[in-house]
Amino acid sequence: MLNPVSTDAQFQDAFRSDVIRGLCRSRKSIPCRWLYDARGSEIFEKITALPEYYPTRVETGLLREHAQDIAVFTSRTVALLEYGAGSGIKTEILLAATLPALYVPIDICGSFLRETAARLERLFPGVETRPVIADFVEDFTLPPAVFHRGARTAFFPGSTIGNLTECQAGALLRRMRSHAGPFGCAVIGVDLKKDVTTLLRAYDDSQGVTAAFNLNLLERINRELAADFDADFFAHAALWNETESAVEMHLVCRVDHDVAVGNRLFTFRAGESIHTESCRKYDVAGFSALVQANGWQMARVWQDPGETFAIFGLKAI
């Protein structure tokens, strides 16, 4: 059973508001959460299999290698809460190792979440699944059954925390701490700082899959908000922001033109861009300071030999 914390109408209103507000800014931007409609989620799964996109491959390897150690770390867990569940491929590894009584996948895309929940229910019939449609960047309520099941673990793979500003990341960590409770723990995947060439290749692959993922946002706006974006007038770009220690994804306008979104008209100039996503990179010390300031203590760190990615084990404080 799905637990829709936010209705389709509420999401649609939020989408429209974010797009209009973002396009009105002097530096146009749209929050990255709107990249993940059903089509965007499908394309992103293709990205995770690309040779240039190392985070999924390295994190999956770490989870497989350290599954039993992570299970020991989360040994008291009865409920596993996953923020941004996606396809749930990495979740399979953790569920197989921990076998909690309850699994709560949380995702903004209801159709994709339904598929993931159904598949995991078939794979783990002994684990009750309670999917929740919600934007985990905002406050939301979990099903009451979650709080009647003992200790809880928050699971946040994919280095998705890097998509959030420091303020948003802190708020989410506190939200996870509230959900997990005083005896809870968290398992969070984080992409680490490394050479810029490797980073940029991961977000601008040679096959153009990431470009299709980014450009799909314009098609979504056209479909859902009665807009007339011409995707051929925009190009995908991945840029390094040294100040923010982040790879930024942009949709760069190729030619001067106007775009209608509903009854609003927006002017684009050649070279102007829409900022669609930031992917921040951390070091171990920096991430440790972030979690310490937001209700957690660093308990374990699992890293690959090249120290390109880390899975952090946190305990509530």
Protein backbone atom coordinates (compact mmCIF):
# COMPACT_ATOMS: atom_id res chain seq x y z
CA MET A 1 0.00 0.00 0.00
CA LEU A 2 1.29 3.44 -0.95
CA ASN A 3 1.22 6.20 1.63
CA PRO A 4 0.89 9.44 -0.41
CA VAL A 5 2.07 12.15 1.98
CA SER A 6 1.68 14.69 -0.83
CA THR A 7 -1.02 14.47 -3.50
CA ASP A 8 -0.43 14.69 -7.24
CA ALA A 9 -2.12 18.11 -7.23
CA GLN A 10 0.23 19.37 -4.52
CA PHE A 11 3.28 18.13 -6.43
CA GLN A 12 1.99 19.75 -9.60
CA ASP A 13 1.49 23.08 -7.85
CA ALA A 14 4.96 22.85 -6.33
CA PHE A 15 6.47 21.99 -9.72
CA ARG A 16 4.79 24.96 -11.40
CA SER A 17 5.83 27.30 -8.60
CA ASP A 18 9.47 26.14 -8.67
CA VAL A 19 9.71 26.46 -12.45
CA ILE A 20 8.14 29.92 -12.64
CA ARG A 21 10.14 31.23 -9.68
CA GLY A 22 13.35 29.69 -11.00
CA LEU A 23 12.99 31.12 -14.50
CA CYS A 24 12.32 34.58 -13.06
CA ARG A 25 15.73 34.67 -11.38
CA SER A 26 18.64 36.55 -12.92
CA ARG A 27 20.54 33.24 -12.77
CA LYS A 28 17.85 30.83 -13.90
CA SER A 29 17.60 27.59 -11.93
CA ILE A 30 15.17 24.74 -11.27
CA PRO A 31 15.53 22.39 -8.27
CA CYS A 32 17.03 19.03 -9.22
CA ARG A 33 14.17 17.07 -7.65
CA TRP A 34 12.12 17.79 -10.79
CA LEU A 35 14.57 15.86 -12.97
CA TYR A 36 13.07 12.66 -11.59
CA ASP A 37 9.73 12.06 -13.25
CA ALA A 38 9.12 8.52 -14.53
CA ARG A 39 11.12 9.14 -17.71
CA GLY A 40 13.92 10.93 -15.87
CA SER A 41 14.17 8.10 -13.35
CA GLU A 42 14.44 5.57 -16.17
CA ILE A 43 17.22 7.55 -17.85
CA PHE A 44 19.07 7.97 -14.57
CA GLU A 45 19.15 4.18 -14.14
CA LYS A 46 20.93 4.03 -17.52
CA ILE A 47 23.42 6.64 -16.28
CA THR A 48 24.34 4.44 -13.33
CA ALA A 49 25.53 1.72 -15.74
CA LEU A 50 27.80 4.01 -17.78
CA PRO A 51 31.58 3.43 -17.59
CA GLU A 52 32.17 7.11 -16.74
CA TYR A 53 29.68 7.10 -13.87
CA TYR A 54 31.75 5.47 -11.12
CA PRO A 55 29.64 6.34 -7.99
CA THR A 56 27.03 3.59 -8.43
CA ARG A 57 29.60 0.95 -9.35
CA VAL A 58 31.94 1.79 -6.44
CA GLU A 59 29.17 2.16 -3.86
CA THR A 60 27.53 -1.12 -4.90
CA GLY A 61 30.89 -2.84 -4.57
CA LEU A 62 31.38 -1.39 -1.10
CA LEU A 63 27.92 -2.52 0.00
CA ARG A 64 28.55 -6.06 -1.24
CA GLU A 65 32.00 -6.22 0.33
CA HIS A 66 30.90 -4.86 3.70
CA ALA A 67 27.28 -6.05 3.85
CA GLN A 68 27.79 -8.25 6.89
CA ASP A 69 29.79 -5.59 8.72
CA ILE A 70 27.04 -3.05 8.00
CA ALA A 71 24.45 -5.57 9.20
CA VAL A 72 26.35 -5.90 12.48
CA PHE A 73 26.52 -2.12 12.74
CA THR A 74 22.73 -1.90 12.28
CA SER A 75 22.02 -5.10 14.22
CA ARG A 76 19.19 -3.69 16.35
CA THR A 77 17.33 -2.32 13.31
CA VAL A 78 13.72 -3.41 12.89
CA ALA A 79 12.72 -0.80 10.30
CA LEU A 80 14.82 0.37 7.34
CA LEU A 81 13.92 3.83 6.00
CA GLU A 82 15.31 4.68 2.56
CA TYR A 83 15.33 8.28 1.33
CA GLY A 84 15.11 8.56 -2.47
CA ALA A 85 14.62 4.86 -3.10
CA GLY A 86 14.96 4.92 -6.90
CA SER A 87 15.21 1.43 -8.38
CA GLY A 88 16.26 -0.13 -5.07
CA ILE A 89 19.12 -2.16 -6.56
CA LYS A 90 21.56 -1.26 -3.77
CA THR A 91 18.75 -1.74 -1.26
CA GLU A 92 18.58 -5.41 -2.18
CA ILE A 93 22.07 -5.87 -0.76
CA LEU A 94 21.20 -4.24 2.55
CA LEU A 95 17.82 -5.97 2.88
CA ALA A 96 19.39 -9.37 2.23
CA ALA A 97 22.01 -8.73 4.92
CA THR A 98 19.75 -7.17 7.58
CA LEU A 99 16.25 -8.61 6.90
CA PRO A 100 14.35 -5.93 8.85
CA ALA A 101 10.69 -6.46 9.72
CA LEU A 102 9.70 -3.29 7.88
CA TYR A 103 11.08 -1.45 4.84
CA VAL A 104 9.93 2.11 4.07
CA PRO A 105 11.09 3.42 0.66
CA ILE A 106 10.52 7.16 0.23
CA ASP A 107 10.54 8.78 -3.21
CA ILE A 108 9.04 11.73 -5.06
CA CYS A 109 8.11 9.71 -8.19
CA GLY A 110 5.04 7.62 -7.35
CA SER A 111 5.01 5.46 -10.50
CA PHE A 112 8.68 4.50 -10.15
CA LEU A 113 8.21 3.90 -6.42
CA ARG A 114 5.32 1.49 -7.07
CA GLU A 115 7.51 -0.60 -9.37
CA THR A 116 10.40 -0.67 -6.90
CA ALA A 117 8.18 -1.56 -3.93
CA ALA A 118 6.45 -4.36 -5.85
CA ARG A 119 9.76 -5.87 -6.96
CA LEU A 120 11.28 -5.77 -3.47
CA GLU A 121 8.12 -7.28 -1.98
CA ARG A 122 8.52 -10.24 -4.35
CA LEU A 123 12.21 -10.62 -3.48
CA PHE A 124 11.72 -10.26 0.29
CA PRO A 125 8.23 -11.59 1.13
CA GLY A 126 9.10 -11.69 4.84
CA VAL A 127 9.78 -7.94 4.94
CA GLU A 128 6.72 -5.70 5.14
CA THR A 129 7.02 -2.82 2.66
CA ARG A 130 5.35 0.56 3.25
CA PRO A 131 6.29 2.95 0.39
CA VAL A 132 5.80 6.67 0.96
CA ILE A 133 5.44 9.25 -1.82
CA ALA A 134 7.15 12.38 -0.51
CA ASP A 135 9.88 14.90 -1.19
CA PHE A 136 12.41 14.07 1.52
CA VAL A 137 13.90 17.58 1.28
CA GLU A 138 10.69 18.84 2.91
CA ASP A 139 9.15 17.76 6.22
CA PHE A 140 6.82 14.78 5.88
CA THR A 141 5.14 12.24 8.15
CA LEU A 142 5.99 8.55 8.22
CA PRO A 143 3.31 5.87 8.70
CA PRO A 144 2.59 5.34 12.44
CA ALA A 145 3.57 1.67 12.12
CA VAL A 146 7.20 2.75 11.66
CA PHE A 147 7.40 3.98 15.26
CA HIS A 148 6.01 0.76 16.73
CA ARG A 149 8.79 -1.45 15.37
CA GLY A 150 11.79 -0.72 17.59
CA ALA A 151 15.14 0.63 16.38
CA ARG A 152 15.29 2.23 12.94
CA THR A 153 18.02 2.80 10.34
CA ALA A 154 18.01 5.63 7.79
CA PHE A 155 19.54 4.57 4.46
CA PHE A 156 20.59 7.26 1.98
CA PRO A 157 22.76 5.83 -0.83
CA GLY A 158 23.86 7.25 -4.16
CA SER A 159 25.66 10.33 -2.83
CA THR A 160 22.32 12.10 -3.23
CA ILE A 161 23.18 14.18 -0.19
CA GLY A 162 25.63 15.97 -2.52
CA ASN A 163 22.64 17.39 -4.44
CA LEU A 164 21.62 19.40 -1.39
CA THR A 165 22.91 22.73 -0.13
CA GLU A 166 24.63 22.65 3.26
CA CYS A 167 21.46 24.04 4.82
CA GLN A 168 19.26 21.40 3.14
CA ALA A 169 21.70 18.61 4.02
CA GLY A 170 21.69 19.69 7.67
CA ALA A 171 17.89 19.81 7.73
CA LEU A 172 17.65 16.35 6.17
CA LEU A 173 20.14 14.89 8.65
CA ARG A 174 18.05 16.28 11.50
CA ARG A 175 14.90 14.89 9.87
CA MET A 176 16.55 11.47 9.60
CA ARG A 177 17.61 11.74 13.23
CA SER A 178 14.00 12.42 14.23
CA HIS A 179 12.73 9.51 12.14
CA ALA A 180 15.40 7.09 13.37
CA GLY A 181 14.90 7.96 17.03
CA PRO A 182 17.36 8.09 19.94
CA PHE A 183 18.68 4.57 19.35
CA GLY A 184 18.72 4.78 15.57
CA CYS A 185 21.54 4.81 13.07
CA ALA A 186 22.13 5.90 9.48
CA VAL A 187 24.03 4.50 6.50
CA ILE A 188 24.87 7.23 3.96
CA GLY A 189 26.81 7.02 0.69
CA VAL A 190 29.00 10.04 -0.13
CA ASP A 191 31.09 10.82 -3.20
CA LEU A 192 34.51 12.13 -2.21
CA LYS A 193 36.64 14.91 -3.65
CA LYS A 194 38.94 13.86 -6.50
CA ASP A 195 40.45 15.15 -9.75
CA VAL A 196 38.10 17.39 -11.72
CA THR A 197 38.52 15.50 -15.01
CA THR A 198 37.09 12.31 -13.50
CA LEU A 199 34.25 14.26 -11.93
CA LEU A 200 33.23 16.06 -15.11
CA ARG A 201 33.31 12.90 -17.21
CA ALA A 202 30.89 11.30 -14.75
CA TYR A 203 28.34 14.05 -15.46
CA ASP A 204 28.92 14.46 -19.21
CA ASP A 205 29.26 10.96 -20.67
CA SER A 206 30.36 10.22 -24.22
CA GLN A 207 27.03 8.55 -25.14
CA GLY A 208 24.96 11.60 -24.21
CA VAL A 209 22.79 9.78 -21.68
CA THR A 210 23.29 12.43 -19.00
CA ALA A 211 22.45 15.09 -21.58
CA ALA A 212 19.16 13.28 -22.33
CA PHE A 213 18.44 13.11 -18.60
CA ASN A 214 18.99 16.86 -18.21
CA LEU A 215 17.06 17.82 -21.36
CA ASN A 216 14.12 15.65 -20.28
CA LEU A 217 13.36 18.35 -17.72
CA LEU A 218 12.36 20.68 -20.56
CA GLU A 219 10.13 17.98 -22.06
CA ARG A 220 8.53 17.48 -18.67
CA ILE A 221 7.82 21.20 -18.35
CA ASN A 222 6.25 21.12 -21.81
CA ARG A 223 4.07 18.11 -20.93
CA GLU A 224 2.92 19.20 -17.51
CA LEU A 225 2.95 23.00 -17.60
CA ALA A 226 1.78 23.79 -21.14
CA ALA A 227 5.19 25.18 -22.15
CA ASP A 228 6.86 25.38 -25.57
CA PHE A 229 10.54 24.71 -24.88
CA ASP A 230 12.45 23.51 -27.94
CA ALA A 231 15.08 21.13 -26.55
CA ASP A 232 17.17 21.61 -29.70
CA PHE A 233 17.77 25.19 -28.57
CA PHE A 234 19.58 23.97 -25.43
CA ALA A 235 22.74 21.98 -24.72
CA HIS A 236 23.74 20.03 -21.63
CA ALA A 237 26.87 21.23 -19.80
CA ALA A 238 28.72 19.99 -16.71
CA LEU A 239 30.88 22.59 -14.95
CA TRP A 240 33.11 22.51 -11.86
CA ASN A 241 32.38 25.06 -9.14
CA GLU A 242 35.52 25.23 -7.00
CA THR A 243 33.95 27.47 -4.35
CA GLU A 244 31.10 25.02 -3.74
CA SER A 245 33.24 21.93 -4.40
CA ALA A 246 30.50 20.79 -6.76
CA VAL A 247 29.84 19.64 -10.29
CA GLU A 248 27.01 21.78 -11.68
CA MET A 249 24.67 20.67 -14.46
CA HIS A 250 23.30 23.36 -16.75
CA LEU A 251 21.06 23.63 -19.79
CA VAL A 252 22.79 26.25 -21.94
CA CYS A 253 20.73 28.26 -24.43
CA ARG A 254 22.12 28.13 -27.99
CA VAL A 255 20.13 31.02 -29.56
CA ASP A 256 18.15 34.05 -28.47
CA HIS A 257 14.46 33.16 -28.20
CA ASP A 258 11.34 33.38 -26.02
CA VAL A 259 9.64 30.51 -24.18
CA ALA A 260 6.06 30.39 -22.95
CA VAL A 261 5.23 28.50 -19.76
CA GLY A 262 1.47 28.65 -19.43
CA ASN A 263 0.62 32.32 -19.70
CA ARG A 264 4.13 33.50 -18.73
CA LEU A 265 6.77 34.47 -21.29
CA PHE A 266 10.50 34.15 -20.59
CA THR A 267 13.33 35.55 -22.69
CA PHE A 268 16.51 33.52 -23.17
CA ARG A 269 19.77 34.84 -24.57
CA ALA A 270 22.41 32.73 -26.29
CA GLY A 271 24.88 31.52 -23.66
CA GLU A 272 22.42 31.91 -20.78
CA SER A 273 21.78 28.75 -18.78
CA ILE A 274 19.33 27.05 -16.46
CA HIS A 275 21.13 25.55 -13.48
CA THR A 276 19.48 22.16 -12.87
CA GLU A 277 21.68 20.32 -10.37
CA SER A 278 24.69 20.63 -8.08
CA CYS A 279 26.60 17.53 -7.00
CA ARG A 280 28.77 18.48 -4.01
CA LYS A 281 31.83 16.43 -3.10
CA TYR A 282 33.04 15.97 0.47
CA ASP A 283 36.11 14.78 2.29
CA VAL A 284 35.80 12.57 5.38
CA ALA A 285 36.60 15.39 7.82
CA GLY A 286 34.11 17.78 6.22
CA PHE A 287 31.28 15.28 6.19
CA SER A 288 32.05 14.25 9.78
CA ALA A 289 31.70 17.89 10.86
CA LEU A 290 28.37 18.19 9.01
CA VAL A 291 26.80 15.15 10.68
CA GLN A 292 28.18 16.07 14.12
CA ALA A 293 26.44 19.44 13.86
CA ASN A 294 23.10 17.82 13.02
CA GLY A 295 22.38 15.13 15.58
CA TRP A 296 24.73 12.29 14.61
CA GLN A 297 28.15 10.98 15.49
CA MET A 298 30.47 9.29 13.00
CA ALA A 299 30.86 5.65 13.99
CA ARG A 300 32.16 3.84 10.89
CA VAL A 301 33.58 4.66 7.45
CA TRP A 302 33.84 2.16 4.61
CA GLN A 303 35.93 3.34 1.62
CA ASP A 304 37.23 1.83 -1.60
CA PRO A 305 41.04 1.48 -1.96
CA GLY A 306 41.22 4.54 -4.22
CA GLU A 307 39.24 6.60 -1.66
CA THR A 308 36.85 7.82 -4.35
CA PHE A 309 33.67 7.03 -2.39
CA ALA A 310 32.67 6.37 1.20
CA ILE A 311 29.77 4.82 3.07
CA PHE A 312 29.36 6.41 6.49
CA GLY A 313 27.82 4.65 9.48
CA LEU A 314 26.24 7.14 11.91
CA LYS A 315 24.84 6.78 15.41
CA ALA A 316 22.24 9.12 16.88
CA ILE A 317 23.36 11.48 19.60
